[in-house]
Amino acid sequence: MRVVADISNPHVKITLHSYNGKYILKLEKANFEQIYKIEETEVMGDEGAKALLDEEFIEAVVNRFVDMRDAFVSTMRRNNA
């Protein structure tokens, strides 16, 4: 897997990879990560993949991280961990 770019964002760490005919967008916050796989033929090169990272998408990603954290905290509490 080849790192194409580290993309600056104040809310999440974003890394764009290229692997086996796909772009892989990896978004990280604290101990959680989200990965999106995109066929290289679906976007116009590296810049096309980066263009997907608009404000609305990032907002949805951040909200999903909040949901992930809440679900994990809840299961930890339920299971006395």
N, C-alpha and C. Protein backbone atom coordinates (compact mmCIF):
# COMPACT_ATOMS: atom_id res chain seq x y z
N MET A 1 0.86 -1.17 0.00
CA MET A 1 0.00 0.00 0.00
C MET A 1 0.90 1.23 0.00
N ARG A 2 0.62 2.14 -0.91
CA ARG A 2 1.44 3.34 -1.08
C ARG A 2 0.69 4.54 -0.52
N VAL A 3 1.37 5.34 0.30
CA VAL A 3 0.78 6.58 0.80
C VAL A 3 0.86 7.62 -0.32
N VAL A 4 -0.29 8.14 -0.70
CA VAL A 4 -0.37 9.15 -1.73
C VAL A 4 -0.26 10.54 -1.12
N ALA A 5 -0.97 10.73 0.02
CA ALA A 5 -0.96 12.06 0.65
C ALA A 5 -1.43 11.98 2.08
N ASP A 6 -0.86 12.83 2.91
CA ASP A 6 -1.40 13.14 4.23
C ASP A 6 -2.14 14.45 4.05
N ILE A 7 -3.42 14.45 4.36
CA ILE A 7 -4.27 15.60 4.08
C ILE A 7 -4.58 16.32 5.38
N SER A 8 -4.26 17.58 5.41
CA SER A 8 -4.44 18.40 6.60
C SER A 8 -5.92 18.63 6.89
N ASN A 9 -6.30 18.41 8.16
CA ASN A 9 -7.65 18.69 8.61
C ASN A 9 -7.60 18.90 10.12
N PRO A 10 -8.29 19.92 10.64
CA PRO A 10 -8.22 20.18 12.08
C PRO A 10 -9.00 19.19 12.94
N HIS A 11 -9.88 18.38 12.35
CA HIS A 11 -10.74 17.50 13.13
C HIS A 11 -10.30 16.04 13.12
N VAL A 12 -9.72 15.59 12.03
CA VAL A 12 -9.32 14.18 11.89
C VAL A 12 -8.01 14.09 11.13
N LYS A 13 -7.31 12.99 11.35
CA LYS A 13 -6.11 12.71 10.56
C LYS A 13 -6.58 11.97 9.30
N ILE A 14 -6.16 12.45 8.15
CA ILE A 14 -6.59 11.85 6.89
C ILE A 14 -5.36 11.42 6.09
N THR A 15 -5.38 10.17 5.66
CA THR A 15 -4.32 9.65 4.81
C THR A 15 -4.96 9.02 3.58
N LEU A 16 -4.44 9.37 2.42
CA LEU A 16 -4.90 8.79 1.16
C LEU A 16 -3.86 7.78 0.70
N HIS A 17 -4.29 6.55 0.50
CA HIS A 17 -3.42 5.48 0.04
C HIS A 17 -3.87 5.02 -1.35
N SER A 18 -2.97 4.35 -2.03
CA SER A 18 -3.30 3.69 -3.29
C SER A 18 -2.88 2.23 -3.15
N TYR A 19 -3.79 1.33 -3.52
CA TYR A 19 -3.49 -0.09 -3.38
C TYR A 19 -4.39 -0.91 -4.29
N ASN A 20 -3.77 -1.68 -5.14
CA ASN A 20 -4.48 -2.68 -5.93
C ASN A 20 -5.67 -2.10 -6.71
N GLY A 21 -5.46 -0.98 -7.37
CA GLY A 21 -6.50 -0.38 -8.18
C GLY A 21 -7.54 0.41 -7.42
N LYS A 22 -7.27 0.67 -6.15
CA LYS A 22 -8.21 1.42 -5.33
C LYS A 22 -7.49 2.55 -4.60
N TYR A 23 -8.23 3.62 -4.36
CA TYR A 23 -7.79 4.63 -3.39
C TYR A 23 -8.41 4.24 -2.06
N ILE A 24 -7.65 4.39 -1.02
CA ILE A 24 -8.14 4.10 0.32
C ILE A 24 -8.01 5.37 1.14
N LEU A 25 -9.15 5.89 1.57
CA LEU A 25 -9.17 7.05 2.46
C LEU A 25 -9.25 6.53 3.88
N LYS A 26 -8.24 6.86 4.67
CA LYS A 26 -8.20 6.43 6.06
C LYS A 26 -8.33 7.69 6.92
N LEU A 27 -9.37 7.73 7.74
CA LEU A 27 -9.62 8.86 8.62
C LEU A 27 -9.53 8.36 10.06
N GLU A 28 -8.77 9.07 10.89
CA GLU A 28 -8.53 8.64 12.26
C GLU A 28 -8.83 9.76 13.24
N LYS A 29 -9.38 9.35 14.38
CA LYS A 29 -9.58 10.28 15.50
C LYS A 29 -9.46 9.45 16.77
N ALA A 30 -8.53 9.84 17.61
CA ALA A 30 -8.25 9.11 18.85
C ALA A 30 -7.99 7.63 18.52
N ASN A 31 -8.73 6.72 19.15
CA ASN A 31 -8.51 5.28 18.95
C ASN A 31 -9.41 4.67 17.88
N PHE A 32 -10.05 5.50 17.08
CA PHE A 32 -11.01 5.02 16.09
C PHE A 32 -10.56 5.38 14.69
N GLU A 33 -10.97 4.57 13.72
CA GLU A 33 -10.67 4.90 12.33
C GLU A 33 -11.82 4.47 11.43
N GLN A 34 -11.92 5.18 10.32
CA GLN A 34 -12.88 4.85 9.27
C GLN A 34 -12.08 4.73 7.98
N ILE A 35 -12.44 3.73 7.19
CA ILE A 35 -11.75 3.50 5.93
C ILE A 35 -12.78 3.43 4.81
N TYR A 36 -12.49 4.16 3.74
CA TYR A 36 -13.34 4.17 2.56
C TYR A 36 -12.50 3.74 1.37
N LYS A 37 -12.97 2.73 0.64
CA LYS A 37 -12.27 2.23 -0.54
C LYS A 37 -13.00 2.72 -1.79
N ILE A 38 -12.23 3.29 -2.70
CA ILE A 38 -12.79 3.88 -3.90
C ILE A 38 -12.04 3.32 -5.11
N GLU A 39 -12.76 2.77 -6.05
CA GLU A 39 -12.12 2.30 -7.28
C GLU A 39 -11.43 3.48 -7.97
N GLU A 40 -10.22 3.28 -8.43
CA GLU A 40 -9.48 4.36 -9.09
C GLU A 40 -10.23 4.88 -10.31
N THR A 41 -11.04 4.03 -10.93
CA THR A 41 -11.79 4.44 -12.11
C THR A 41 -12.99 5.33 -11.77
N GLU A 42 -13.35 5.42 -10.49
CA GLU A 42 -14.51 6.22 -10.07
C GLU A 42 -14.17 7.69 -9.88
N VAL A 43 -12.89 8.02 -9.78
CA VAL A 43 -12.47 9.41 -9.56
C VAL A 43 -11.38 9.76 -10.56
N MET A 44 -11.14 11.05 -10.70
CA MET A 44 -10.13 11.54 -11.64
C MET A 44 -8.79 11.70 -10.92
N GLY A 45 -8.11 10.60 -10.67
CA GLY A 45 -6.78 10.64 -10.07
C GLY A 45 -6.79 11.04 -8.60
N ASP A 46 -5.58 11.34 -8.10
CA ASP A 46 -5.41 11.70 -6.69
C ASP A 46 -6.28 12.90 -6.32
N GLU A 47 -6.31 13.88 -7.19
CA GLU A 47 -7.08 15.10 -6.89
C GLU A 47 -8.57 14.81 -6.84
N GLY A 48 -9.04 13.90 -7.65
CA GLY A 48 -10.45 13.51 -7.60
C GLY A 48 -10.81 12.84 -6.29
N ALA A 49 -9.89 12.01 -5.80
CA ALA A 49 -10.12 11.35 -4.51
C ALA A 49 -10.12 12.38 -3.39
N LYS A 50 -9.20 13.34 -3.44
CA LYS A 50 -9.13 14.38 -2.41
C LYS A 50 -10.38 15.26 -2.44
N ALA A 51 -10.94 15.48 -3.62
CA ALA A 51 -12.12 16.34 -3.76
C ALA A 51 -13.33 15.78 -3.02
N LEU A 52 -13.33 14.48 -2.75
CA LEU A 52 -14.45 13.88 -2.02
C LEU A 52 -14.52 14.37 -0.58
N LEU A 53 -13.43 14.92 -0.09
CA LEU A 53 -13.34 15.34 1.31
C LEU A 53 -13.91 16.73 1.52
N ASP A 54 -15.14 16.93 1.09
CA ASP A 54 -15.76 18.24 1.26
C ASP A 54 -16.28 18.40 2.70
N GLU A 55 -16.74 19.59 3.00
CA GLU A 55 -17.16 19.93 4.37
C GLU A 55 -18.28 19.02 4.87
N GLU A 56 -19.24 18.73 4.02
CA GLU A 56 -20.36 17.87 4.41
C GLU A 56 -19.90 16.45 4.75
N PHE A 57 -18.98 15.91 3.95
CA PHE A 57 -18.46 14.57 4.21
C PHE A 57 -17.69 14.54 5.53
N ILE A 58 -16.83 15.53 5.75
CA ILE A 58 -16.04 15.57 6.99
C ILE A 58 -16.96 15.69 8.20
N GLU A 59 -18.00 16.49 8.10
CA GLU A 59 -18.96 16.62 9.20
C GLU A 59 -19.62 15.28 9.51
N ALA A 60 -20.00 14.53 8.48
CA ALA A 60 -20.60 13.21 8.68
C ALA A 60 -19.60 12.25 9.32
N VAL A 61 -18.34 12.32 8.90
CA VAL A 61 -17.29 11.47 9.46
C VAL A 61 -17.11 11.78 10.95
N VAL A 62 -17.03 13.06 11.29
CA VAL A 62 -16.85 13.45 12.69
C VAL A 62 -18.04 12.96 13.53
N ASN A 63 -19.25 13.12 13.01
CA ASN A 63 -20.43 12.64 13.73
C ASN A 63 -20.39 11.13 13.92
N ARG A 64 -19.91 10.41 12.91
CA ARG A 64 -19.79 8.96 13.02
C ARG A 64 -18.76 8.59 14.08
N PHE A 65 -17.67 9.36 14.19
CA PHE A 65 -16.69 9.10 15.25
C PHE A 65 -17.33 9.30 16.63
N VAL A 66 -18.16 10.30 16.79
CA VAL A 66 -18.85 10.52 18.06
C VAL A 66 -19.73 9.31 18.37
N ASP A 67 -20.47 8.83 17.38
CA ASP A 67 -21.32 7.65 17.57
C ASP A 67 -20.49 6.42 17.93
N MET A 68 -19.35 6.26 17.27
CA MET A 68 -18.47 5.12 17.55
C MET A 68 -17.98 5.17 18.99
N ARG A 69 -17.55 6.36 19.42
CA ARG A 69 -17.06 6.52 20.79
C ARG A 69 -18.17 6.22 21.79
N ASP A 70 -19.36 6.77 21.54
CA ASP A 70 -20.48 6.55 22.45
C ASP A 70 -20.83 5.06 22.56
N ALA A 71 -20.85 4.36 21.45
CA ALA A 71 -21.15 2.93 21.46
C ALA A 71 -20.09 2.15 22.24
N PHE A 72 -18.83 2.55 22.05
CA PHE A 72 -17.76 1.84 22.74
C PHE A 72 -17.81 2.11 24.25
N VAL A 73 -18.01 3.35 24.63
CA VAL A 73 -18.11 3.69 26.06
C VAL A 73 -19.28 2.94 26.69
N SER A 74 -20.39 2.86 25.99
CA SER A 74 -21.56 2.15 26.51
C SER A 74 -21.28 0.67 26.73
N THR A 75 -20.63 0.03 25.78
CA THR A 75 -20.35 -1.39 25.97
C THR A 75 -19.32 -1.62 27.08
N MET A 76 -18.39 -0.71 27.21
CA MET A 76 -17.41 -0.84 28.31
C MET A 76 -18.13 -0.74 29.65
N ARG A 77 -19.07 0.18 29.77
CA ARG A 77 -19.82 0.32 31.02
C ARG A 77 -20.69 -0.89 31.30
N ARG A 78 -21.39 -1.38 30.27
CA ARG A 78 -22.28 -2.53 30.44
C ARG A 78 -21.51 -3.77 30.86
N ASN A 79 -20.28 -3.86 30.41
CA ASN A 79 -19.50 -5.06 30.66
C ASN A 79 -18.43 -4.86 31.72
N ASN A 80 -18.59 -3.80 32.50
CA ASN A 80 -17.70 -3.52 33.63
C ASN A 80 -16.23 -3.56 33.27
N ALA A 81 -15.91 -3.06 32.11
CA ALA A 81 -14.50 -3.06 31.68
C ALA A 81 -13.84 -1.75 32.05
